[in-house]
């Protein structure tokens, strides 16, 4: 991962940020590829606040 990010300031600060980023990416991919999941993902977003 360090080799892919030459500017170390752009790296996530901690594991929580890494996991949030991965979860967001997974949600986007799933909502694009599995249309039936879109309402489930949207309702979950409302609960997170």
C-alpha atoms as a PDB file:
ATOM      1  CA  UNK A   1       0.000   0.000   0.000  1.00  0.00           C
ATOM      2  CA  UNK A   2       2.833   2.399   0.755  1.00  0.00           C
ATOM      3  CA  UNK A   3       4.297   1.890  -2.701  1.00  0.00           C
ATOM      4  CA  UNK A   4       0.982   2.861  -4.279  1.00  0.00           C
ATOM      5  CA  UNK A   5       0.796   6.107  -2.274  1.00  0.00           C
ATOM      6  CA  UNK A   6       3.957   8.147  -2.781  1.00  0.00           C
ATOM      7  CA  UNK A   7       2.479  11.039  -0.788  1.00  0.00           C
ATOM      8  CA  UNK A   8       2.207   9.629   2.733  1.00  0.00           C
ATOM      9  CA  UNK A   9      -0.123  12.471   3.735  1.00  0.00           C
ATOM     10  CA  UNK A  10      -2.797  10.843   1.590  1.00  0.00           C
ATOM     11  CA  UNK A  11      -2.773   7.593   3.560  1.00  0.00           C
ATOM     12  CA  UNK A  12      -5.662   6.911   5.956  1.00  0.00           C
ATOM     13  CA  UNK A  13      -4.862   7.860   9.541  1.00  0.00           C
ATOM     14  CA  UNK A  14      -6.048   4.648  11.150  1.00  0.00           C
ATOM     15  CA  UNK A  15      -7.702   1.296  10.577  1.00  0.00           C
ATOM     16  CA  UNK A  16     -11.193   2.743  11.121  1.00  0.00           C
ATOM     17  CA  UNK A  17     -10.786   5.027   8.127  1.00  0.00           C
ATOM     18  CA  UNK A  18      -9.515   2.120   6.035  1.00  0.00           C
ATOM     19  CA  UNK A  19     -12.538   0.018   6.989  1.00  0.00           C
ATOM     20  CA  UNK A  20     -14.993   2.863   6.348  1.00  0.00           C
ATOM     21  CA  UNK A  21     -13.483   3.416   2.923  1.00  0.00           C
ATOM     22  CA  UNK A  22     -13.659  -0.279   2.077  1.00  0.00           C
ATOM     23  CA  UNK A  23     -17.258  -0.509   3.318  1.00  0.00           C
ATOM     24  CA  UNK A  24     -18.253   2.506   1.233  1.00  0.00           C
ATOM     25  CA  UNK A  25     -16.647   1.056  -1.871  1.00  0.00           C
ATOM     26  CA  UNK A  26     -18.341  -2.309  -1.279  1.00  0.00           C
ATOM     27  CA  UNK A  27     -21.734  -0.615  -0.865  1.00  0.00           C
ATOM     28  CA  UNK A  28     -21.269   1.329  -4.115  1.00  0.00           C
ATOM     29  CA  UNK A  29     -20.248  -1.778  -6.059  1.00  0.00           C
ATOM     30  CA  UNK A  30     -23.088  -3.872  -4.635  1.00  0.00           C
ATOM     31  CA  UNK A  31     -25.704  -1.195  -5.290  1.00  0.00           C
ATOM     32  CA  UNK A  32     -24.513  -0.918  -8.904  1.00  0.00           C
ATOM     33  CA  UNK A  33     -24.363  -4.652  -9.576  1.00  0.00           C
ATOM     34  CA  UNK A  34     -27.255  -5.935  -7.456  1.00  0.00           C
ATOM     35  CA  UNK A  35     -30.201  -3.542  -7.940  1.00  0.00           C
ATOM     36  CA  UNK A  36     -32.334  -5.467  -5.424  1.00  0.00           C
ATOM     37  CA  UNK A  37     -29.961  -4.342  -2.633  1.00  0.00           C
ATOM     38  CA  UNK A  38     -30.357  -0.611  -3.296  1.00  0.00           C
ATOM     39  CA  UNK A  39     -33.330  -0.106  -0.940  1.00  0.00           C
ATOM     40  CA  UNK A  40     -31.560  -2.078   1.812  1.00  0.00           C
ATOM     41  CA  UNK A  41     -28.372  -0.014   1.521  1.00  0.00           C
ATOM     42  CA  UNK A  42     -30.315   3.276   1.467  1.00  0.00           C
ATOM     43  CA  UNK A  43     -32.333   2.392   4.573  1.00  0.00           C
ATOM     44  CA  UNK A  44     -29.112   1.430   6.363  1.00  0.00           C
ATOM     45  CA  UNK A  45     -27.573   4.816   5.461  1.00  0.00           C
ATOM     46  CA  UNK A  46     -30.477   6.594   7.160  1.00  0.00           C
ATOM     47  CA  UNK A  47     -29.874   4.687  10.393  1.00  0.00           C
ATOM     48  CA  UNK A  48     -26.197   5.654  10.473  1.00  0.00           C
ATOM     49  CA  UNK A  49     -27.177   9.249  10.596  1.00  0.00           C
END
